[in-house]
Amino acid sequence: MFDLDQAMSDWRRRMAASGIKSSKVLDELEGHLREDIRALASDGTPEVQAFRLAVSRLGCTDSLSTEFKKLSDTSSMAVKIGALLWTGLSTALAARLLMGVIPGKLSVLLSAHVFSLTAGYAAAFLNGGFGIYCVSYQWFRAWSPTRQQSLSRAVLLFSRLSVGLVLAGLLLGMCWSGQNRGGYFAGGPREVGTLGASVWLFAFWLIQESGQVSHRVTMLLCIVGNLIVSLAWFGTGIVAHGGGMASYWPLDALLGVHLFFFTMAVVPIFKTAEA
């Protein structure tokens, strides 16, 4: 009699023997495998045939091992470019702020606040860019589990950076406000926006750490995060200066682009559910 758990254990041993030894990667691959098996079984395919078919779809041991090793040695080009852009932006911003701190034009506390918020928001925007890249890529070909794992690791890394930096920026801003304005939180648009973005980024990070959401949902949440950060970063600045967001076309265009890609990613989910 076919034992799925035993077959899965044997499959994991073959994967480990071929060079894929990371338990997190094996768990991710097994999750995809079990999901495919459940889908096939629900259509009436016998469990043993569903297992063999799912394994063949996932890829043979040698091909998976080759792709995994390739991605382990070097991240995808999109992740590399994104990481370089973020590092360059953060370095340039730090140098610019330092040029203001040294002659005494800017306080250290205010400079640290500006750097933390800007670098944190930029990290969140980078995750949104990864989400858009993922949606665009899927228009042409399917994501392999190992490529999903590579991008998911990058998104988790920048989620940690964004939530840490934005929370630090929020606290530093409160300290600066307490020293210079007589209160730690005045409830202005910028402060409320930063608080809202901090709550979202923290919740998103917890969702990722839990490992309970799929790769597709994670990428969708990255795009949602860009919408929230855009409103918290730029929208609140417009409101603080007495303007209306509806009349500020660059922000409207930015939000429109993200809504477009979010819709394009959600539509296949609804079609699958209806089918």
Protein backbone atom coordinates (compact mmCIF):
# COMPACT_ATOMS: atom_id res chain seq x y z
CA MET A 1 0.00 0.00 0.00
CA PHE A 2 1.35 3.40 -0.98
CA ASP A 3 2.53 5.55 1.95
CA LEU A 4 2.78 9.22 0.95
CA ASP A 5 4.79 10.27 4.02
CA GLN A 6 7.32 7.49 3.45
CA ALA A 7 7.57 8.39 -0.24
CA MET A 8 8.10 12.02 0.70
CA SER A 9 10.86 11.06 3.16
CA ASP A 10 12.60 9.01 0.45
CA TRP A 11 12.28 11.95 -1.96
CA ARG A 12 13.86 14.31 0.60
CA ARG A 13 16.76 11.89 1.10
CA ARG A 14 17.37 11.83 -2.66
CA MET A 15 17.30 15.62 -2.76
CA ALA A 16 19.79 15.82 0.12
CA ALA A 17 22.06 13.29 -1.53
CA SER A 18 22.05 15.35 -4.74
CA GLY A 19 23.29 18.43 -2.88
CA ILE A 20 20.14 20.23 -1.66
CA LYS A 21 20.79 19.98 2.06
CA SER A 22 19.05 23.11 3.38
CA SER A 23 16.01 22.09 5.43
CA LYS A 24 14.26 25.38 4.59
CA VAL A 25 14.68 24.78 0.85
CA LEU A 26 13.54 21.17 1.18
CA ASP A 27 10.50 22.29 3.18
CA GLU A 28 9.65 24.81 0.46
CA LEU A 29 10.00 22.22 -2.29
CA GLU A 30 7.98 19.68 -0.32
CA GLY A 31 5.26 22.27 0.19
CA HIS A 32 4.98 22.76 -3.59
CA LEU A 33 5.00 19.01 -4.08
CA ARG A 34 2.22 18.34 -1.56
CA GLU A 35 0.14 21.19 -2.97
CA ASP A 36 0.37 19.70 -6.46
CA ILE A 37 -0.47 16.23 -5.11
CA ARG A 38 -3.58 17.56 -3.35
CA ALA A 39 -4.72 19.28 -6.56
CA LEU A 40 -4.25 16.09 -8.59
CA ALA A 41 -5.93 13.92 -5.96
CA SER A 42 -8.95 16.23 -5.86
CA ASP A 43 -9.38 15.58 -9.60
CA GLY A 44 -9.54 11.83 -8.96
CA THR A 45 -5.93 10.86 -9.65
CA PRO A 46 -4.76 7.96 -7.42
CA GLU A 47 -2.32 9.10 -4.76
CA VAL A 48 0.63 7.09 -6.06
CA GLN A 49 0.17 8.47 -9.58
CA ALA A 50 -0.36 11.98 -8.21
CA PHE A 51 2.94 11.72 -6.34
CA ARG A 52 4.87 10.54 -9.39
CA LEU A 53 3.32 13.18 -11.63
CA ALA A 54 3.98 15.95 -9.11
CA VAL A 55 7.61 14.89 -8.76
CA SER A 56 8.04 14.88 -12.54
CA ARG A 57 6.52 18.37 -12.76
CA LEU A 58 8.79 19.67 -10.04
CA GLY A 59 11.82 18.38 -11.90
CA CYS A 60 14.26 15.54 -11.68
CA THR A 61 16.82 15.38 -8.92
CA ASP A 62 19.75 16.41 -11.12
CA SER A 63 18.00 19.42 -12.69
CA LEU A 64 16.77 20.69 -9.33
CA SER A 65 20.20 20.27 -7.81
CA THR A 66 21.85 22.11 -10.71
CA GLU A 67 19.42 25.01 -10.55
CA PHE A 68 19.64 25.23 -6.77
CA LYS A 69 23.43 25.32 -6.79
CA LYS A 70 23.36 27.99 -9.49
CA LEU A 71 21.02 30.16 -7.45
CA SER A 72 22.91 29.47 -4.23
CA ASP A 73 26.15 30.73 -5.75
CA THR A 74 24.61 33.91 -7.10
CA SER A 75 21.30 35.67 -6.66
CA SER A 76 19.14 36.46 -9.65
CA MET A 77 20.09 39.52 -11.67
CA ALA A 78 17.00 41.42 -10.50
CA VAL A 79 17.94 40.90 -6.84
CA LYS A 80 21.54 41.93 -7.51
CA ILE A 81 20.54 45.10 -9.32
CA GLY A 82 18.01 46.01 -6.64
CA ALA A 83 20.48 45.45 -3.83
CA LEU A 84 23.13 47.54 -5.59
CA LEU A 85 20.67 50.39 -6.19
CA TRP A 86 19.56 50.40 -2.56
CA THR A 87 23.14 50.28 -1.27
CA GLY A 88 24.19 53.09 -3.62
CA LEU A 89 21.23 55.26 -2.64
CA SER A 90 21.81 54.70 1.07
CA THR A 91 25.52 55.45 0.76
CA ALA A 92 24.91 58.64 -1.24
CA LEU A 93 22.27 59.79 1.25
CA ALA A 94 24.55 59.13 4.21
CA ALA A 95 27.37 61.10 2.56
CA ARG A 96 25.05 64.02 1.79
CA LEU A 97 23.71 64.16 5.33
CA LEU A 98 27.22 63.90 6.74
CA MET A 99 28.20 66.97 4.73
CA GLY A 100 25.47 68.85 6.60
CA VAL A 101 26.32 67.45 10.03
CA ILE A 102 30.05 68.22 9.95
CA PRO A 103 29.68 72.03 9.53
CA GLY A 104 26.80 72.05 12.02
CA LYS A 105 23.98 72.78 9.58
CA LEU A 106 22.11 69.61 10.56
CA SER A 107 21.86 67.92 13.94
CA VAL A 108 23.00 64.33 14.27
CA LEU A 109 19.57 63.29 15.55
CA LEU A 110 17.68 64.84 12.64
CA SER A 111 20.15 63.42 10.11
CA ALA A 112 19.82 59.95 11.59
CA HIS A 113 16.03 60.30 11.44
CA VAL A 114 16.09 61.32 7.76
CA PHE A 115 18.54 58.56 6.83
CA SER A 116 16.61 55.83 8.65
CA LEU A 117 13.25 56.76 7.15
CA THR A 118 14.54 57.26 3.62
CA ALA A 119 16.60 54.05 3.57
CA GLY A 120 13.73 52.11 5.18
CA TYR A 121 11.15 53.38 2.72
CA ALA A 122 13.55 52.67 -0.15
CA ALA A 123 13.92 49.06 1.06
CA ALA A 124 10.13 48.72 1.13
CA PHE A 125 9.92 50.18 -2.39
CA LEU A 126 12.52 47.68 -3.54
CA ASN A 127 10.30 44.85 -2.29
CA GLY A 128 7.43 46.35 -4.25
CA GLY A 129 9.68 46.36 -7.29
CA PHE A 130 10.38 42.67 -6.72
CA GLY A 131 6.62 42.09 -6.62
CA ILE A 132 6.11 43.86 -9.94
CA TYR A 133 9.06 41.97 -11.43
CA CYS A 134 7.51 38.68 -10.30
CA VAL A 135 4.13 39.52 -11.85
CA SER A 136 5.77 40.58 -15.13
CA TYR A 137 7.97 37.48 -15.24
CA GLN A 138 4.97 35.19 -14.83
CA TRP A 139 3.40 36.62 -17.99
CA PHE A 140 6.08 34.84 -20.00
CA ARG A 141 7.02 31.76 -18.00
CA ALA A 142 6.37 29.98 -14.72
CA TRP A 143 8.54 30.44 -11.67
CA SER A 144 10.52 27.40 -10.58
CA PRO A 145 10.48 26.62 -6.84
CA THR A 146 14.18 27.39 -6.50
CA ARG A 147 13.79 30.80 -8.14
CA GLN A 148 10.84 31.51 -5.88
CA GLN A 149 13.03 30.61 -2.92
CA SER A 150 15.76 33.00 -4.10
CA LEU A 151 13.36 35.93 -4.49
CA SER A 152 11.54 35.14 -1.24
CA ARG A 153 14.82 35.27 0.67
CA ALA A 154 15.62 38.68 -0.85
CA VAL A 155 12.15 40.01 0.03
CA LEU A 156 12.48 38.78 3.62
CA LEU A 157 15.90 40.43 3.96
CA PHE A 158 14.64 43.80 2.75
CA SER A 159 11.50 43.44 4.86
CA ARG A 160 13.71 43.16 7.93
CA LEU A 161 15.73 46.18 6.81
CA SER A 162 12.66 48.28 6.05
CA VAL A 163 10.82 47.58 9.30
CA GLY A 164 13.96 48.10 11.40
CA LEU A 165 14.96 51.34 9.69
CA VAL A 166 11.45 52.86 9.58
CA LEU A 167 10.80 52.06 13.24
CA ALA A 168 14.19 53.56 14.11
CA GLY A 169 13.33 56.62 12.02
CA LEU A 170 10.00 56.97 13.81
CA LEU A 171 11.63 56.82 17.26
CA LEU A 172 14.43 59.20 16.25
CA GLY A 173 11.87 61.63 14.86
CA MET A 174 9.91 61.50 18.11
CA CYS A 175 13.08 62.22 20.09
CA TRP A 176 13.93 65.18 17.82
CA SER A 177 10.39 66.49 18.10
CA GLY A 178 10.53 66.22 21.89
CA GLN A 179 13.74 68.25 21.97
CA ASN A 180 12.71 70.91 19.46
CA ARG A 181 8.92 71.10 19.50
CA GLY A 182 8.04 70.33 23.09
CA GLY A 183 6.15 67.12 22.28
CA TYR A 184 7.02 63.66 21.06
CA PHE A 185 4.01 63.13 18.80
CA ALA A 186 1.99 66.05 17.45
CA GLY A 187 -0.32 63.95 15.28
CA GLY A 188 0.56 65.73 12.03
CA PRO A 189 0.09 64.05 8.62
CA ARG A 190 3.75 63.03 8.30
CA GLU A 191 3.84 61.53 11.79
CA VAL A 192 0.58 59.64 11.31
CA GLY A 193 1.78 58.42 7.91
CA THR A 194 5.07 57.16 9.35
CA LEU A 195 3.23 55.40 12.16
CA GLY A 196 0.85 53.75 9.69
CA ALA A 197 3.71 52.63 7.45
CA SER A 198 5.56 51.24 10.48
CA VAL A 199 2.53 49.17 11.50
CA TRP A 200 2.14 47.79 7.98
CA LEU A 201 5.83 46.94 7.55
CA PHE A 202 5.93 45.24 10.95
CA ALA A 203 2.80 43.20 10.13
CA PHE A 204 4.21 42.22 6.72
CA TRP A 205 7.47 41.11 8.30
CA LEU A 206 5.58 38.94 10.82
CA ILE A 207 3.53 37.40 8.02
CA GLN A 208 6.69 36.45 6.16
CA GLU A 209 8.41 35.07 9.24
CA SER A 210 5.39 32.87 9.95
CA GLY A 211 5.82 31.13 6.60
CA GLN A 212 2.05 30.66 6.28
CA VAL A 213 1.54 32.51 2.99
CA SER A 214 2.40 31.44 -0.53
CA HIS A 215 4.99 33.04 -2.79
CA ARG A 216 2.27 34.68 -4.91
CA VAL A 217 0.55 36.23 -1.89
CA THR A 218 3.89 37.52 -0.61
CA MET A 219 4.54 39.27 -3.93
CA LEU A 220 1.04 40.77 -3.88
CA LEU A 221 1.65 42.11 -0.39
CA CYS A 222 4.90 43.66 -1.61
CA ILE A 223 2.91 45.66 -4.16
CA VAL A 224 0.33 46.62 -1.52
CA GLY A 225 3.22 47.78 0.65
CA ASN A 226 4.34 50.18 -2.05
CA LEU A 227 0.87 51.72 -2.17
CA ILE A 228 0.91 52.24 1.60
CA VAL A 229 4.46 53.59 1.68
CA SER A 230 3.74 55.93 -1.25
CA LEU A 231 0.82 57.47 0.62
CA ALA A 232 2.78 57.60 3.90
CA TRP A 233 5.89 59.14 2.32
CA PHE A 234 4.61 61.39 -0.45
CA GLY A 235 0.88 61.69 0.19
CA THR A 236 1.26 62.99 3.72
CA GLY A 237 3.84 65.53 2.53
CA ILE A 238 1.33 66.91 0.03
CA VAL A 239 -1.39 67.09 2.68
CA ALA A 240 1.01 68.73 5.16
CA HIS A 241 1.68 71.51 2.66
CA GLY A 242 -2.02 72.09 2.04
CA GLY A 243 -2.21 70.35 -1.33
CA GLY A 244 -4.59 67.75 -2.68
CA MET A 245 -3.30 64.32 -3.69
CA ALA A 246 -5.72 64.15 -6.60
CA SER A 247 -3.96 67.08 -8.27
CA TYR A 248 -0.45 65.69 -7.85
CA TRP A 249 -0.08 63.59 -10.99
CA PRO A 250 3.29 61.89 -10.25
CA LEU A 251 1.80 60.27 -7.15
CA ASP A 252 -1.38 59.40 -9.05
CA ALA A 253 0.73 57.77 -11.78
CA LEU A 254 2.79 55.83 -9.22
CA LEU A 255 -0.33 54.52 -7.49
CA GLY A 256 -1.93 53.70 -10.85
CA VAL A 257 1.03 51.61 -11.99
CA HIS A 258 0.99 49.58 -8.79
CA LEU A 259 -2.78 49.08 -8.93
CA PHE A 260 -2.44 47.86 -12.50
CA PHE A 261 0.15 45.21 -11.61
CA PHE A 262 -1.79 44.23 -8.49
CA THR A 263 -4.92 43.69 -10.59
CA MET A 264 -2.99 41.67 -13.19
CA ALA A 265 -1.70 39.41 -10.41
CA VAL A 266 -5.07 38.98 -8.69
CA VAL A 267 -7.15 38.16 -11.79
CA PRO A 268 -5.58 34.67 -12.31
CA ILE A 269 -6.36 33.82 -8.66
CA PHE A 270 -10.06 34.58 -9.16
CA LYS A 271 -10.12 32.65 -12.43
CA THR A 272 -8.59 29.62 -10.71
CA ALA A 273 -11.11 29.85 -7.87
CA GLU A 274 -14.04 30.03 -10.31
CA ALA A 275 -12.75 27.07 -12.27
